[in-house]
Protein backbone atom coordinates (compact mmCIF):
# COMPACT_ATOMS: atom_id res chain seq x y z
CA MET A 1 -45.24 -12.17 -14.74
CA GLN A 2 -41.92 -14.00 -14.75
CA ASP A 3 -40.86 -12.62 -18.20
CA ALA A 4 -42.34 -8.55 -17.49
CA SER A 5 -40.82 -5.69 -17.59
CA ILE A 6 -40.71 -3.87 -14.49
CA SER A 7 -43.25 -0.96 -15.76
CA ASP A 8 -45.84 -4.39 -16.91
CA ARG A 9 -45.39 -5.50 -13.09
CA VAL A 10 -46.07 -2.63 -11.15
CA ARG A 11 -48.90 -2.03 -13.18
CA GLU A 12 -50.05 -5.64 -13.10
CA LEU A 13 -49.78 -5.55 -9.31
CA ARG A 14 -51.55 -2.02 -8.81
CA ARG A 15 -54.18 -3.08 -10.63
CA ARG A 16 -54.61 -6.11 -8.50
CA ARG A 17 -54.80 -3.70 -5.27
CA GLY A 18 -57.13 -1.82 -6.90
CA MET A 19 -55.56 0.71 -6.82
CA THR A 20 -55.27 3.99 -9.07
CA GLN A 21 -52.22 5.81 -9.83
CA GLU A 22 -53.16 8.82 -7.71
CA GLU A 23 -53.44 6.22 -4.76
CA LEU A 24 -50.38 4.28 -5.00
CA ALA A 25 -48.35 7.58 -5.40
CA GLU A 26 -49.93 8.84 -2.27
CA GLN A 27 -49.54 5.53 -0.50
CA ALA A 28 -45.85 5.20 -1.31
CA ASN A 29 -45.04 8.53 -0.67
CA LEU A 30 -43.77 9.55 -4.03
CA SER A 31 -45.26 12.01 -7.07
CA LEU A 32 -47.80 11.20 -9.01
CA ALA A 33 -44.85 11.76 -12.33
CA VAL A 34 -42.92 9.02 -10.90
CA ILE A 35 -45.74 6.57 -10.97
CA LYS A 36 -46.32 7.16 -14.52
CA LYS A 37 -42.94 7.49 -15.89
CA LEU A 38 -42.44 4.22 -14.20
CA GLU A 39 -45.51 2.65 -15.73
CA GLN A 40 -44.52 3.69 -19.13
CA GLY A 41 -41.16 1.83 -19.14
CA GLY A 42 -39.15 3.97 -17.07
CA THR A 43 -36.53 2.97 -14.32
CA CYS A 44 -36.07 4.45 -10.69
CA ARG A 45 -33.58 4.01 -7.92
CA MET A 46 -33.41 0.89 -5.47
CA GLU A 47 -34.86 3.04 -2.61
CA THR A 48 -38.16 4.25 -4.89
CA TYR A 49 -38.81 0.36 -5.61
CA HIS A 50 -38.41 -0.19 -1.62
CA HIS A 51 -41.40 2.60 -1.05
CA LEU A 52 -43.37 0.85 -3.61
CA ALA A 53 -42.77 -2.31 -2.27
CA ARG A 54 -44.06 -1.11 0.95
CA ALA A 55 -47.17 0.32 -0.38
CA LEU A 56 -48.09 -3.07 -2.33
CA GLY A 57 -46.97 -5.00 0.35
CA VAL A 58 -44.29 -7.31 -1.34
CA THR A 59 -40.72 -7.56 -1.03
CA THR A 60 -37.99 -4.97 -2.82
CA VAL A 61 -36.40 -7.70 -5.16
CA TRP A 62 -40.10 -8.33 -6.33
CA PHE A 63 -39.38 -5.83 -8.73
CA ALA A 64 -36.54 -7.34 -10.22
CA SER A 65 -36.28 -8.08 -13.98
CA ALA A 66 -33.59 -9.43 -15.77
CA GLY A 67 -32.20 -7.77 -19.07
CA SER A 68 -29.71 -6.37 -20.55
CA PRO A 69 -28.11 -2.95 -19.30
CA GLU A 70 -28.57 0.03 -21.10
CA PRO A 71 -25.60 1.19 -23.57
CA THR A 72 -23.20 3.69 -21.59
CA GLU A 73 -20.55 6.10 -22.74
CA ALA A 74 -17.20 4.93 -21.27
CA THR A 75 -16.40 7.10 -18.31
CA VAL A 76 -13.21 8.79 -17.34
CA ASP A 77 -13.35 6.49 -14.36
CA GLU A 78 -12.77 3.29 -16.28
CA VAL A 79 -9.01 4.95 -17.20
CA VAL A 80 -8.70 6.16 -13.48
CA LEU A 81 -8.65 2.67 -12.16
CA ALA A 82 -6.65 1.32 -14.79
CA ASP A 83 -3.69 0.75 -12.42
CA MET A 84 -6.40 -0.58 -9.57
CA ARG A 85 -7.45 -2.88 -11.75
CA SER A 86 -4.54 -4.27 -12.83
CA ALA A 87 -3.53 -5.25 -9.65
CA ILE A 88 -6.06 -6.34 -7.81
CA ASN A 89 -7.57 -8.26 -11.66
CA PRO A 90 -4.24 -9.30 -13.16
CA PRO A 91 -4.31 -11.08 -16.55
CA VAL A 92 -3.74 -15.04 -16.75
CA GLY A 93 -1.45 -16.54 -19.49
CA PHE A 94 -1.42 -19.97 -20.53
CA ALA A 95 0.85 -20.69 -17.41
CA GLY A 96 -2.26 -20.16 -15.24
CA ARG A 97 -0.48 -17.75 -13.15
CA PRO A 98 -1.34 -14.27 -12.66
CA LEU A 99 1.01 -11.37 -14.16
CA TYR A 100 1.42 -8.56 -11.58
CA GLY A 101 3.64 -6.36 -13.74
CA THR A 102 6.59 -4.72 -11.95
CA ALA A 103 7.09 -6.74 -8.54
CA ASP A 104 8.53 -5.14 -5.79
CA GLY A 105 12.44 -4.70 -6.61
CA ASP A 106 14.01 -3.91 -3.02
CA HIS A 107 14.41 -7.03 -0.49
CA PRO A 108 11.17 -8.29 0.94
CA ASP A 109 10.44 -6.83 4.78
CA LEU A 110 7.05 -8.39 6.38
CA ALA A 111 7.58 -5.43 8.80
CA ARG A 112 7.50 -2.49 6.20
CA LEU A 113 4.81 -4.09 4.17
CA GLY A 114 2.99 -4.42 7.45
CA ARG A 115 3.98 -0.83 8.18
CA ALA A 116 2.23 0.31 4.92
CA VAL A 117 -0.18 -1.15 5.33
CA SER A 118 -1.28 0.71 8.60
CA ALA A 119 -0.34 3.28 7.12
CA VAL A 120 -3.07 3.10 4.25
CA ALA A 121 -5.82 2.34 7.13
CA ALA A 122 -5.10 5.64 8.57
CA LYS A 123 -5.58 6.91 4.86
CA TYR A 124 -8.58 5.52 4.43
CA HIS A 125 -9.87 6.44 7.98
CA ALA A 126 -9.34 9.56 6.82
CA ASP A 127 -11.44 10.09 3.44
CA ALA A 128 -7.74 10.66 2.11
CA TYR A 129 -9.33 8.65 -1.52
CA ASP A 130 -6.56 10.83 -3.88
CA ASP A 131 -3.77 9.44 -1.53
CA LEU A 132 -5.22 5.89 -1.78
CA ALA A 133 -5.75 5.98 -5.36
CA VAL A 134 -1.94 6.59 -5.86
CA PHE A 135 -0.53 4.21 -3.01
CA MET A 136 -2.83 0.94 -3.08
CA PRO A 137 -1.70 -0.56 -6.60
CA ALA A 138 1.65 -0.57 -5.47
CA LEU A 139 1.36 -1.90 -2.49
CA VAL A 140 -1.31 -4.88 -3.60
CA ARG A 141 1.71 -5.48 -5.91
CA SER A 142 4.19 -5.68 -3.20
CA ALA A 143 2.21 -7.73 -1.07
CA HIS A 144 1.82 -10.11 -4.25
CA HIS A 145 5.65 -10.33 -4.21
CA HIS A 146 6.05 -11.03 -0.61
CA VAL A 147 3.60 -14.06 -1.02
CA GLU A 148 5.43 -15.32 -3.86
CA VAL A 149 8.99 -15.44 -1.83
CA TYR A 150 7.69 -16.34 1.33
CA ASN A 151 6.60 -19.76 0.79
CA THR A 152 6.55 -22.12 3.92
CA GLY A 153 6.10 -20.97 7.42
CA GLU A 154 5.35 -18.19 9.68
CA GLN A 155 6.63 -15.40 7.39
CA ARG A 156 4.27 -17.12 4.72
CA GLN A 157 1.41 -16.72 7.22
CA GLU A 158 2.18 -13.58 7.44
CA ALA A 159 2.77 -12.16 4.21
CA LEU A 160 -0.97 -14.12 3.63
CA ARG A 161 -2.31 -12.05 5.87
CA LEU A 162 -1.01 -8.83 5.21
CA ARG A 163 -2.36 -9.37 1.52
CA ALA A 164 -5.54 -10.06 2.90
CA ASP A 165 -6.02 -6.90 5.20
CA ILE A 166 -4.76 -4.79 2.28
CA THR A 167 -6.66 -6.19 -0.44
CA GLY A 168 -9.69 -5.82 2.04
CA LEU A 169 -9.00 -2.20 2.76
CA VAL A 170 -8.69 -1.88 -1.28
CA GLY A 171 -12.08 -3.36 -1.55
CA ARG A 172 -13.71 -1.29 1.19
CA TYR A 173 -12.27 1.93 -1.00
CA LEU A 174 -13.67 0.60 -4.40
CA ILE A 175 -17.18 0.21 -2.46
CA GLN A 176 -16.68 4.26 -0.96
CA ILE A 177 -15.98 5.27 -4.63
CA ARG A 178 -18.77 2.80 -5.96
CA ALA A 179 -16.24 0.74 -8.08
CA HIS A 180 -18.53 -2.32 -6.66
CA ASP A 181 -17.51 -5.05 -9.22
CA LEU A 182 -13.73 -4.45 -9.01
CA ALA A 183 -14.08 -4.56 -5.09
CA LEU A 184 -15.76 -7.88 -4.67
CA ILE A 185 -12.85 -9.07 -6.61
CA ALA A 186 -10.45 -7.46 -3.92
CA LEU A 187 -12.63 -8.91 -1.32
CA HIS A 188 -12.94 -12.54 -2.80
CA ALA A 189 -9.10 -12.17 -3.12
CA SER A 190 -8.89 -10.88 1.00
CA LEU A 191 -11.34 -14.00 1.68
CA ARG A 192 -9.09 -16.94 0.34
CA ASP A 193 -6.02 -15.24 1.71
CA ALA A 194 -7.58 -15.39 5.24
CA LEU A 195 -9.43 -18.50 4.96
CA GLU A 196 -6.33 -20.30 4.17
CA ILE A 197 -4.44 -19.09 7.27
CA GLY A 198 -7.34 -20.13 9.45
CA ASP A 199 -7.79 -16.07 10.49
CA VAL A 200 -12.09 -16.09 10.65
CA PRO A 201 -11.95 -12.45 12.10
CA LEU A 202 -10.11 -11.48 9.12
CA ALA A 203 -12.20 -13.67 7.04
CA THR A 204 -15.75 -12.52 8.73
CA ALA A 205 -14.07 -8.88 7.55
CA SER A 206 -13.99 -9.69 4.12
CA VAL A 207 -17.57 -11.55 3.92
CA SER A 208 -19.00 -8.50 5.62
CA SER A 209 -17.58 -6.11 3.29
CA GLN A 210 -18.42 -8.42 0.39
CA ALA A 211 -22.10 -7.78 1.94
CA TRP A 212 -21.62 -4.33 1.78
CA ALA A 213 -20.87 -3.97 -1.71
CA MET A 214 -23.74 -6.69 -2.55
CA LEU A 215 -25.84 -4.09 -0.49
CA ARG A 216 -25.06 -1.29 -2.85
CA GLN A 217 -25.90 -3.50 -5.86
CA GLY A 218 -29.48 -4.23 -4.70
CA ARG A 219 -28.69 -7.71 -3.89
CA LEU A 220 -30.64 -7.90 -0.96
CA ALA A 221 -31.93 -11.28 -0.54
CA GLU A 222 -28.33 -12.57 -1.09
CA VAL A 223 -26.77 -10.30 1.70
CA GLU A 224 -29.46 -11.34 4.00
CA ARG A 225 -28.55 -15.31 3.09
CA LEU A 226 -24.71 -14.87 2.98
CA CYS A 227 -24.97 -12.92 6.20
CA VAL A 228 -27.33 -14.91 8.57
CA ASP A 229 -25.29 -18.12 7.27
CA THR A 230 -21.83 -16.86 7.60
CA ALA A 231 -22.96 -15.75 11.42
CA GLY A 232 -24.70 -18.96 11.97
CA GLN A 233 -20.92 -20.91 11.41
CA ILE A 234 -19.37 -18.76 13.34
CA GLU A 235 -21.70 -17.88 16.37
CA PRO A 236 -19.57 -17.06 19.16
CA LYS A 237 -20.69 -18.11 23.09
CA MET A 238 -21.07 -14.89 24.49
CA SER A 239 -19.15 -15.61 27.86
CA LYS A 240 -16.00 -16.90 26.11
CA ALA A 241 -15.44 -14.99 22.85
CA SER A 242 -13.12 -12.52 21.76
CA PRO A 243 -13.60 -9.04 21.27
CA ASP A 244 -13.17 -9.58 17.52
CA GLU A 245 -14.97 -12.57 17.39
CA LEU A 246 -18.15 -10.42 18.95
CA SER A 247 -16.97 -7.87 16.45
CA GLY A 248 -17.50 -9.43 13.54
CA TRP A 249 -20.52 -11.79 14.36
CA GLY A 250 -22.36 -8.68 15.07
CA TYR A 251 -21.02 -6.75 11.77
CA LEU A 252 -22.48 -9.50 10.01
CA LEU A 253 -26.46 -9.14 11.67
CA LEU A 254 -26.25 -5.28 10.78
CA ARG A 255 -25.42 -6.28 7.08
CA ALA A 256 -28.44 -8.81 7.28
CA ALA A 257 -30.44 -6.22 9.09
CA ALA A 258 -29.44 -3.51 6.53
CA ALA A 259 -30.78 -5.86 3.54
CA ALA A 260 -33.90 -7.00 5.13
CA SER A 261 -35.06 -3.51 5.88
CA ARG A 262 -34.81 -2.26 2.45
CA ASN A 263 -36.31 -5.50 1.47
CA ASN A 264 -39.37 -4.28 3.41
CA ARG A 265 -38.78 -6.84 6.05
CA ALA A 266 -38.36 -4.35 9.01
CA ASP A 267 -39.28 -6.64 11.54
CA GLU A 268 -36.55 -9.40 10.83
CA ALA A 269 -34.41 -6.50 10.27
CA ARG A 270 -35.37 -5.29 13.86
CA GLU A 271 -34.25 -8.80 15.14
CA TYR A 272 -30.98 -8.75 13.55
CA VAL A 273 -29.95 -5.79 15.42
CA ARG A 274 -31.17 -6.66 18.85
CA ALA A 275 -29.17 -9.55 18.12
CA ALA A 276 -26.00 -7.88 17.50
CA GLY A 277 -26.67 -5.75 20.57
CA ALA A 278 -26.25 -8.57 22.42
CA ALA A 279 -22.66 -8.90 21.05
CA GLY A 280 -22.22 -5.09 21.53
CA ALA A 281 -23.62 -5.23 25.27
CA ARG A 282 -21.45 -8.13 26.10
CA LEU A 283 -18.23 -5.46 24.81
CA GLY A 284 -19.45 -2.70 27.18
CA ARG A 285 -17.69 0.07 25.14
CA GLN A 286 -16.78 0.26 21.78
CA HIS A 287 -14.30 -2.26 20.07
CA GLU A 288 -11.32 -1.61 17.48
CA ASN A 289 -11.20 -4.67 15.28
CA LEU A 290 -8.41 -4.70 13.63
CA ALA A 291 -9.21 -7.42 11.44
CA GLY A 292 -11.81 -5.18 9.48
CA HIS A 293 -10.44 -2.00 10.62
CA VAL A 294 -13.59 -1.14 12.16
CA ALA A 295 -15.12 0.03 15.39
CA PHE A 296 -18.04 -2.21 17.29
CA GLY A 297 -19.90 -2.19 20.62
CA PRO A 298 -22.71 -0.66 21.90
CA LEU A 299 -23.26 2.37 19.95
CA THR A 300 -22.40 0.02 16.50
CA PRO A 301 -26.07 -1.79 16.38
CA ALA A 302 -28.48 1.44 17.82
CA LEU A 303 -27.05 3.48 15.01
CA LEU A 304 -28.79 1.27 12.67
CA GLY A 305 -32.28 1.71 14.44
CA PRO A 306 -33.26 5.12 13.30
CA GLU A 307 -31.96 3.73 9.73
CA ILE A 308 -34.85 0.73 10.06
CA GLU A 309 -37.67 3.11 11.53
CA LEU A 310 -36.55 5.64 8.58
CA LEU A 311 -37.37 2.87 5.67
CA ASP A 312 -40.46 1.79 7.23
CA GLY A 313 -41.96 5.10 6.87
CA ARG A 314 -41.53 6.08 10.77
CA PRO A 315 -39.00 9.15 10.95
CA ASP A 316 -40.79 10.08 14.60
CA GLN A 317 -39.89 6.74 15.76
CA ALA A 318 -36.16 7.55 13.74
CA LEU A 319 -35.38 10.36 15.82
CA GLU A 320 -36.67 9.16 19.07
CA LEU A 321 -34.03 6.09 18.98
CA ALA A 322 -31.75 9.25 17.55
CA ARG A 323 -31.93 10.59 21.02
CA ASP A 324 -31.79 7.09 22.77
CA LEU A 325 -28.14 6.38 21.30
CA PRO A 326 -25.84 4.97 24.16
CA ARG A 327 -23.63 7.76 25.82
CA ASP A 328 -20.05 7.40 27.21
CA VAL A 329 -19.13 4.10 25.48
CA GLY A 330 -16.66 5.33 23.09
CA ALA A 331 -16.68 6.29 19.27
CA ALA A 332 -18.35 4.61 16.23
CA ASN A 333 -16.24 4.86 12.69
CA THR A 334 -16.68 8.38 11.23
CA SER A 335 -18.38 6.46 8.04
CA GLY A 336 -20.63 4.93 10.27
CA TRP A 337 -21.39 8.39 11.96
CA ASP A 338 -21.90 10.43 9.62
CA ARG A 339 -23.83 7.97 7.70
CA HIS A 340 -26.45 8.26 10.60
CA ARG A 341 -26.68 11.88 10.55
CA LEU A 342 -27.34 11.75 7.19
CA ASP A 343 -30.53 9.71 8.76
CA VAL A 344 -31.57 12.12 11.21
CA ALA A 345 -31.05 14.76 8.38
CA ARG A 346 -33.68 13.40 6.33
CA ALA A 347 -35.87 12.36 9.63
CA LYS A 348 -35.75 15.69 10.15
CA LEU A 349 -36.88 16.90 6.49
CA GLN A 350 -39.75 14.35 6.52
CA THR A 351 -41.04 15.80 10.05
CA GLY A 352 -41.10 19.47 8.59
CA ASP A 353 -37.87 20.87 9.53
CA PRO A 354 -35.52 21.36 6.27
CA GLU A 355 -33.73 23.67 7.95
CA LYS A 356 -32.24 21.46 10.52
CA ALA A 357 -31.54 18.89 8.06
CA THR A 358 -29.86 21.52 5.85
CA GLU A 359 -27.65 22.45 8.82
CA ILE A 360 -26.67 18.71 9.43
CA MET A 361 -25.65 17.86 5.96
CA GLN A 362 -23.73 21.31 6.13
CA THR A 363 -21.72 20.01 8.90
CA ILE A 364 -20.84 17.02 7.11
CA ARG A 365 -19.69 18.90 4.85
CA ALA A 366 -17.54 21.26 6.81
CA GLU A 367 -16.05 18.24 8.49
CA HIS A 368 -15.54 15.33 5.77
CA PRO A 369 -16.25 16.65 2.74
CA SER A 370 -14.14 14.06 0.39
CA TRP A 371 -16.92 11.38 2.40
CA LEU A 372 -19.96 13.24 1.60
CA ARG A 373 -19.39 13.72 -2.44
CA TYR A 374 -19.39 10.29 -2.96
CA GLN A 375 -22.39 9.41 -1.06
CA GLN A 376 -25.64 8.77 -3.51
CA TYR A 377 -27.77 9.16 -0.10
CA GLY A 378 -26.48 12.53 0.20
CA ARG A 379 -27.67 13.07 -2.91
CA ASP A 380 -30.83 11.92 -2.71
CA ILE A 381 -31.33 14.16 0.92
CA THR A 382 -30.21 17.11 -1.14
CA ARG A 383 -32.84 16.83 -4.00
CA GLU A 384 -35.43 16.13 -1.47
CA LEU A 385 -34.44 19.34 0.47
CA LEU A 386 -34.61 21.39 -2.93
CA GLY A 387 -38.11 19.49 -3.30
CA SER A 388 -39.68 21.01 0.05
CA ARG A 389 -39.08 24.39 -0.93
CA PRO A 390 -39.36 24.26 -5.00
CA ARG A 391 -40.08 28.01 -5.58
CA MET A 392 -37.58 29.09 -3.20
CA PRO A 393 -34.53 27.27 -1.90
CA SER A 394 -32.23 28.90 0.69
CA GLN A 395 -28.74 29.72 0.00
CA ALA A 396 -27.40 26.69 2.06
CA MET A 397 -29.56 24.40 0.56
CA LEU A 398 -28.42 25.89 -3.33
CA ASP A 399 -24.87 25.78 -2.01
CA LEU A 400 -25.49 22.18 -0.87
CA ALA A 401 -26.69 21.29 -4.29
CA ASP A 402 -23.62 22.83 -6.21
CA PHE A 403 -20.98 21.03 -3.79
CA MET A 404 -23.24 17.42 -4.11
CA GLY A 405 -23.71 18.00 -8.02
CA VAL A 406 -27.18 18.31 -7.42
CA GLU A 407 -29.26 20.50 -10.07
CA PRO A 408 -31.75 22.81 -8.28
């Protein structure tokens, strides 16, 4: 079946399992129309393949099928991201050197560059995406300029560290706005600089962010392998490890867990979360990892537990874990907490409480509208909310659908 289309693979496996289309739809908790569409050559989202994989007893990536994508119209994003692309992925001439364009005309100043990177990190955590789109390309070019000027000694080390930091931030921003291929280019550059200066926490943060981008691309087996291998290379001794080392290692395991759970490997995902939980327990409280601009501690692994149960078709267990989260240990990253709230909203919906699910979505919208607008997961939940009351959706559901750009 190596050369078969996805529709052929689904149809043949369904028949091998002795299931009708109706039975597969029921087992996968999907509509019959989705199964028919898929077997007739249609496509669906990775999450739908995950539901099918669970019903058919295979991993999600079993459905992967090589082939050229369908041609699409060019989008305005190609123009909007042109300056960012120029800074992150510049042309290379015959001299073999990147042509970065206009460099920082002022005298180089590492302290000033460091303050600018910190300011951009604050903008990122405030979901100020429009500001980031303006500031980041110029800041990346300035970092390139500083690296070119300082070619020896401690100043070069600091210039490389700051460039690794800003390109890592750029990569994470690009993931948020779903420019995943460009994000990976930025994160590879960040990793190279971090490895050159031997900054393991910064390099770990770059690998973890790569995994996040690849996860968004559906590269589940690759993500799990990358994170497990890297975690094995940097595994700290719990009694001697620094907070940044524990944080970086724990985050890699959580990325592996996220990939495994989406690839119909819930037991392995739970094991990764338990291991990451040991690192969080060692810290005792949420620790601000400056290398990755993220918080990690007892709460961080606990937030992934409900997601795994939800993906494993156990929304009741997801809600139980959500009720038992560690308390008085500090706060998670805003985006991580909001992602958890989306999980709770979906679990509420799946357990028959669409009103509470809508309320949670409205709260996230009120608090972090810019972040929510970019979340495909949020759009999926919105569609499911509308589907829960197809004849008479509430006004709150309709308002949410309008905000998320989802057709009622």
